[in-house]
Each structure stands twice: as structure tokens, then as C-alpha cells.
Amino acid sequence: MSTSEIEYQLYTDGACSGNPGPGGWGFILRTLATGEETKGSGGEPHTTNNRMELLSAIRGLQDTPAGSSVLLVTDSNYVAKGISEWMRGWKSRGWKRMEGGRLKPVKNVELWQELDELVSERKVSIKWVKGHAGHAENEECDQLAVAAYQQYL
């Protein structure tokens, strides 16, 4: 997808204090036509970092209309590779993954299935960025996620 086709930029991040432990997610959704930004965050008292990374993408995509073009910017290889590389195989194997030559259930399957539905209804491209490396929106999403889990400490 070319940058001229993108309607939304979605920046996401998840965070945990301990893994598992209290966790939070945050996103910034930018509408490119208007420059308008929407921010969201939330948390759970006992969760994992991967679940929070998935929820940040899910909650952000839920704020975009079906059929729209979204650039999803994440520092999570789990989310980026899950969407772009792994999900197709998981689905073909009944939401199972190969580990040590054996099929095992995909972890966080209910979140992956929700994310799969959202992605299938939109034109989503993925951009991975290095976390905690000065990327302004990624840093802000991290702050949103951390603030969301601090209520559980």
C-alpha cells in the first residue's frame, strides 16, 4: 500500500509490570485527511505484555471504519510478525502453531481471532519500530500504557 492510500496511522504499545503482572495498552490513531488524533488506553490487573500489545492494536483498529486503509505502527515483533507472517499458517492449522515438530494451541487465540477479523475488514499495512528509541508516538503510547497499569499497583 502506498503512503498516498493510507487514511489512518495507528500507533500502539503494550506494557506490563512483571510478566505476568498488571498491564496496560495505549494507542494513538491519526486521521491523515484532518490531522485529528484519538487516543485510547486501558489495563488489566493480571496479564502479559503480549496480551497488552494485542489489545492496543485491537482497540485502535476498532476505532477505524471497515474498508479503511490503516498503517499500524508497533514496536511488537509479536504483533507485526503475527499479522504479516504467522496468522495465515495458524488459521490453516485450526489456530495451532508448530513447536518442536508438534502442533500446539496458539497463545492468546481469542485476541488473535479478534485481530484477524479486524484486519480482514481493513487494508492494514504494518510498520515495526524499535521501542524506547525516541519514536515520539511510540513513546507516548508507552506512557499511556504504563499510566493505565499503574492503577493496579
C-alpha atoms as a PDB file:
ATOM      1  CA  MET A   1       0.000   0.000   0.000  1.00  0.00           C
ATOM      2  CA  SER A   2       1.428   3.374  -0.957  1.00  0.00           C
ATOM      3  CA  THR A   3       1.513   6.171   1.582  1.00  0.00           C
ATOM      4  CA  SER A   4      -0.983   8.157  -0.507  1.00  0.00           C
ATOM      5  CA  GLU A   5      -3.588   5.408   0.027  1.00  0.00           C
ATOM      6  CA  ILE A   6      -3.302   5.413   3.826  1.00  0.00           C
ATOM      7  CA  GLU A   7      -6.229   7.034   5.622  1.00  0.00           C
ATOM      8  CA  TYR A   8      -5.157   6.328   9.219  1.00  0.00           C
ATOM      9  CA  GLN A   9      -1.924   5.912  11.124  1.00  0.00           C
ATOM     10  CA  LEU A  10      -2.316   3.762  14.218  1.00  0.00           C
ATOM     11  CA  TYR A  11       0.461   3.755  16.810  1.00  0.00           C
ATOM     12  CA  THR A  12       0.233   1.084  19.500  1.00  0.00           C
ATOM     13  CA  ASP A  13       2.046  -0.195  22.570  1.00  0.00           C
ATOM     14  CA  GLY A  14       1.508  -2.507  25.497  1.00  0.00           C
ATOM     15  CA  ALA A  15       3.311  -2.666  28.829  1.00  0.00           C
ATOM     16  CA  CYS A  16       3.423  -4.859  31.899  1.00  0.00           C
ATOM     17  CA  SER A  17       4.869  -4.512  35.388  1.00  0.00           C
ATOM     18  CA  GLY A  18       6.123  -8.064  35.635  1.00  0.00           C
ATOM     19  CA  ASN A  19       5.164 -10.585  33.003  1.00  0.00           C
ATOM     20  CA  PRO A  20       2.604 -11.660  34.046  1.00  0.00           C
ATOM     21  CA  GLY A  21       1.527  -8.753  36.183  1.00  0.00           C
ATOM     22  CA  PRO A  22      -0.514  -5.564  35.962  1.00  0.00           C
ATOM     23  CA  GLY A  23      -0.609  -4.465  32.336  1.00  0.00           C
ATOM     24  CA  GLY A  24      -1.733  -1.624  30.143  1.00  0.00           C
ATOM     25  CA  TRP A  25      -2.210  -0.772  26.494  1.00  0.00           C
ATOM     26  CA  GLY A  26      -2.302   2.516  24.638  1.00  0.00           C
ATOM     27  CA  PHE A  27      -2.849   3.761  21.127  1.00  0.00           C
ATOM     28  CA  ILE A  28      -2.829   6.949  19.082  1.00  0.00           C
ATOM     29  CA  LEU A  29      -4.988   6.997  15.963  1.00  0.00           C
ATOM     30  CA  ARG A  30      -4.318   9.774  13.464  1.00  0.00           C
ATOM     31  CA  THR A  31      -6.734  10.569  10.642  1.00  0.00           C
ATOM     32  CA  LEU A  32      -4.470  11.767   7.857  1.00  0.00           C
ATOM     33  CA  ALA A  33      -7.069  13.837   5.991  1.00  0.00           C
ATOM     34  CA  THR A  34      -7.732  16.054   9.018  1.00  0.00           C
ATOM     35  CA  GLY A  35      -4.771  15.503  11.334  1.00  0.00           C
ATOM     36  CA  GLU A  36      -7.244  14.643  14.089  1.00  0.00           C
ATOM     37  CA  GLU A  37      -5.924  12.301  16.763  1.00  0.00           C
ATOM     38  CA  THR A  38      -7.770   9.915  19.031  1.00  0.00           C
ATOM     39  CA  LYS A  39      -6.040   8.307  21.986  1.00  0.00           C
ATOM     40  CA  GLY A  40      -7.092   5.297  23.996  1.00  0.00           C
ATOM     41  CA  SER A  41      -5.759   3.236  26.863  1.00  0.00           C
ATOM     42  CA  GLY A  42      -6.788   0.633  29.370  1.00  0.00           C
ATOM     43  CA  GLY A  43      -5.375  -2.029  31.600  1.00  0.00           C
ATOM     44  CA  GLU A  44      -5.846  -5.285  33.433  1.00  0.00           C
ATOM     45  CA  PRO A  45      -4.735  -6.304  36.928  1.00  0.00           C
ATOM     46  CA  HIS A  46      -3.113  -9.600  35.864  1.00  0.00           C
ATOM     47  CA  THR A  47      -2.000 -10.108  32.277  1.00  0.00           C
ATOM     48  CA  THR A  48       1.002 -10.433  29.977  1.00  0.00           C
ATOM     49  CA  ASN A  49       2.860  -7.979  27.798  1.00  0.00           C
ATOM     50  CA  ASN A  50       1.842  -9.868  24.645  1.00  0.00           C
ATOM     51  CA  ARG A  51      -1.850  -9.614  25.545  1.00  0.00           C
ATOM     52  CA  MET A  52      -1.469  -5.868  26.063  1.00  0.00           C
ATOM     53  CA  GLU A  53       0.330  -5.474  22.721  1.00  0.00           C
ATOM     54  CA  LEU A  54      -2.546  -7.295  21.008  1.00  0.00           C
ATOM     55  CA  LEU A  55      -5.210  -5.264  22.816  1.00  0.00           C
ATOM     56  CA  SER A  56      -3.587  -1.978  21.809  1.00  0.00           C
ATOM     57  CA  ALA A  57      -3.849  -2.983  18.141  1.00  0.00           C
ATOM     58  CA  ILE A  58      -7.388  -4.331  18.546  1.00  0.00           C
ATOM     59  CA  ARG A  59      -8.722  -1.266  20.350  1.00  0.00           C
ATOM     60  CA  GLY A  60      -7.112   1.087  17.850  1.00  0.00           C
ATOM     61  CA  LEU A  61      -8.414  -0.789  14.811  1.00  0.00           C
ATOM     62  CA  GLN A  62     -11.895  -0.834  16.344  1.00  0.00           C
ATOM     63  CA  ASP A  63     -11.828   2.971  16.027  1.00  0.00           C
ATOM     64  CA  THR A  64     -11.357   2.780  12.252  1.00  0.00           C
ATOM     65  CA  PRO A  65     -14.165   2.020   9.802  1.00  0.00           C
ATOM     66  CA  ALA A  66     -14.283  -1.272   7.929  1.00  0.00           C
ATOM     67  CA  GLY A  67     -12.792  -0.850   4.462  1.00  0.00           C
ATOM     68  CA  SER A  68     -10.331   1.832   5.526  1.00  0.00           C
ATOM     69  CA  SER A  69      -6.569   1.818   4.904  1.00  0.00           C
ATOM     70  CA  VAL A  70      -4.515   1.749   8.096  1.00  0.00           C
ATOM     71  CA  LEU A  71      -0.783   1.889   8.722  1.00  0.00           C
ATOM     72  CA  LEU A  72      -0.263   0.056  12.021  1.00  0.00           C
ATOM     73  CA  VAL A  73       2.970   1.153  13.709  1.00  0.00           C
ATOM     74  CA  THR A  74       4.119  -1.134  16.526  1.00  0.00           C
ATOM     75  CA  ASP A  75       7.269  -1.963  18.449  1.00  0.00           C
ATOM     76  CA  SER A  76       5.989  -5.506  18.971  1.00  0.00           C
ATOM     77  CA  ASN A  77       7.505  -8.189  16.755  1.00  0.00           C
ATOM     78  CA  TYR A  78       4.803 -10.460  18.178  1.00  0.00           C
ATOM     79  CA  VAL A  79       2.043  -8.295  16.665  1.00  0.00           C
ATOM     80  CA  ALA A  80       3.925  -7.358  13.485  1.00  0.00           C
ATOM     81  CA  LYS A  81       5.022 -10.882  12.577  1.00  0.00           C
ATOM     82  CA  GLY A  82       1.794 -12.399  13.859  1.00  0.00           C
ATOM     83  CA  ILE A  83      -0.256 -10.361  11.397  1.00  0.00           C
ATOM     84  CA  SER A  84       2.146 -10.395   8.464  1.00  0.00           C
ATOM     85  CA  GLU A  85       3.700 -13.876   8.725  1.00  0.00           C
ATOM     86  CA  TRP A  86       2.230 -16.283  11.266  1.00  0.00           C
ATOM     87  CA  MET A  87      -1.551 -15.835  11.292  1.00  0.00           C
ATOM     88  CA  ARG A  88      -2.171 -17.376   7.865  1.00  0.00           C
ATOM     89  CA  GLY A  89      -0.469 -20.625   8.944  1.00  0.00           C
ATOM     90  CA  TRP A  90      -2.183 -20.670  12.327  1.00  0.00           C
ATOM     91  CA  LYS A  91      -5.563 -20.362  10.651  1.00  0.00           C
ATOM     92  CA  SER A  92      -4.801 -23.114   8.131  1.00  0.00           C
ATOM     93  CA  ARG A  93      -3.896 -25.409  11.050  1.00  0.00           C
ATOM     94  CA  GLY A  94      -7.021 -24.583  13.066  1.00  0.00           C
ATOM     95  CA  TRP A  95      -5.308 -21.896  15.171  1.00  0.00           C
ATOM     96  CA  LYS A  96      -2.418 -24.172  16.058  1.00  0.00           C
ATOM     97  CA  ARG A  97       1.299 -23.399  15.857  1.00  0.00           C
ATOM     98  CA  MET A  98       4.232 -25.693  15.244  1.00  0.00           C
ATOM     99  CA  GLU A  99       6.591 -26.117  18.172  1.00  0.00           C
ATOM    100  CA  GLY A 100       9.199 -28.843  18.307  1.00  0.00           C
ATOM    101  CA  GLY A 101       7.535 -30.633  15.404  1.00  0.00           C
ATOM    102  CA  ARG A 102       4.179 -30.756  17.189  1.00  0.00           C
ATOM    103  CA  LEU A 103       1.015 -28.714  16.897  1.00  0.00           C
ATOM    104  CA  LYS A 104       0.245 -26.602  19.956  1.00  0.00           C
ATOM    105  CA  PRO A 105      -2.591 -24.151  20.576  1.00  0.00           C
ATOM    106  CA  VAL A 106      -1.856 -20.541  19.669  1.00  0.00           C
ATOM    107  CA  LYS A 107      -1.481 -18.478  22.831  1.00  0.00           C
ATOM    108  CA  ASN A 108      -3.978 -15.617  23.196  1.00  0.00           C
ATOM    109  CA  VAL A 109      -6.065 -17.221  20.448  1.00  0.00           C
ATOM    110  CA  GLU A 110      -9.223 -15.249  21.236  1.00  0.00           C
ATOM    111  CA  LEU A 111      -7.332 -11.973  20.803  1.00  0.00           C
ATOM    112  CA  TRP A 112      -5.654 -13.172  17.606  1.00  0.00           C
ATOM    113  CA  GLN A 113      -9.037 -14.167  16.201  1.00  0.00           C
ATOM    114  CA  GLU A 114     -10.479 -10.763  17.049  1.00  0.00           C
ATOM    115  CA  LEU A 115      -7.471  -9.059  15.478  1.00  0.00           C
ATOM    116  CA  ASP A 116      -7.780 -11.300  12.404  1.00  0.00           C
ATOM    117  CA  GLU A 117     -11.374 -10.218  11.905  1.00  0.00           C
ATOM    118  CA  LEU A 118     -10.496  -6.535  12.210  1.00  0.00           C
ATOM    119  CA  VAL A 119      -7.528  -6.842   9.836  1.00  0.00           C
ATOM    120  CA  SER A 120      -9.589  -8.778   7.274  1.00  0.00           C
ATOM    121  CA  GLU A 121     -12.140  -5.934   7.176  1.00  0.00           C
ATOM    122  CA  ARG A 122      -9.487  -3.268   6.538  1.00  0.00           C
ATOM    123  CA  LYS A 123      -6.408  -2.694   4.371  1.00  0.00           C
ATOM    124  CA  VAL A 124      -3.735  -2.919   7.059  1.00  0.00           C
ATOM    125  CA  SER A 125      -0.030  -2.492   6.497  1.00  0.00           C
ATOM    126  CA  ILE A 126       2.476  -2.963   9.291  1.00  0.00           C
ATOM    127  CA  LYS A 127       5.492  -0.898  10.240  1.00  0.00           C
ATOM    128  CA  TRP A 128       7.752  -2.109  13.027  1.00  0.00           C
ATOM    129  CA  VAL A 129       9.704   0.469  15.029  1.00  0.00           C
ATOM    130  CA  LYS A 130      12.275  -0.094  17.730  1.00  0.00           C
ATOM    131  CA  GLY A 131      10.762   0.506  21.162  1.00  0.00           C
ATOM    132  CA  HIS A 132      12.205   3.004  23.642  1.00  0.00           C
ATOM    133  CA  ALA A 133      14.300   4.532  20.880  1.00  0.00           C
ATOM    134  CA  GLY A 134      12.884   8.049  20.714  1.00  0.00           C
ATOM    135  CA  HIS A 135       9.991   7.471  18.280  1.00  0.00           C
ATOM    136  CA  ALA A 136       7.603  10.172  19.535  1.00  0.00           C
ATOM    137  CA  GLU A 137       4.282   8.370  19.076  1.00  0.00           C
ATOM    138  CA  ASN A 138       5.669   5.047  20.323  1.00  0.00           C
ATOM    139  CA  GLU A 139       6.980   6.763  23.452  1.00  0.00           C
ATOM    140  CA  GLU A 140       3.599   8.413  24.031  1.00  0.00           C
ATOM    141  CA  CYS A 141       1.784   5.090  23.598  1.00  0.00           C
ATOM    142  CA  ASP A 142       4.152   3.560  26.141  1.00  0.00           C
ATOM    143  CA  GLN A 143       3.312   6.375  28.576  1.00  0.00           C
ATOM    144  CA  LEU A 144      -0.415   5.740  28.049  1.00  0.00           C
ATOM    145  CA  ALA A 145       0.067   2.004  28.668  1.00  0.00           C
ATOM    146  CA  VAL A 146       2.173   2.492  31.780  1.00  0.00           C
ATOM    147  CA  ALA A 147      -0.291   5.013  33.227  1.00  0.00           C
ATOM    148  CA  ALA A 148      -3.118   2.524  32.589  1.00  0.00           C
ATOM    149  CA  TYR A 149      -1.494  -0.274  34.593  1.00  0.00           C
ATOM    150  CA  GLN A 150      -0.322   1.925  37.461  1.00  0.00           C
ATOM    151  CA  GLN A 151      -3.858   1.924  38.860  1.00  0.00           C
ATOM    152  CA  TYR A 152      -3.327  -1.764  39.696  1.00  0.00           C
ATOM    153  CA  LEU A 153      -0.027  -1.348  41.597  1.00  0.00           C
END
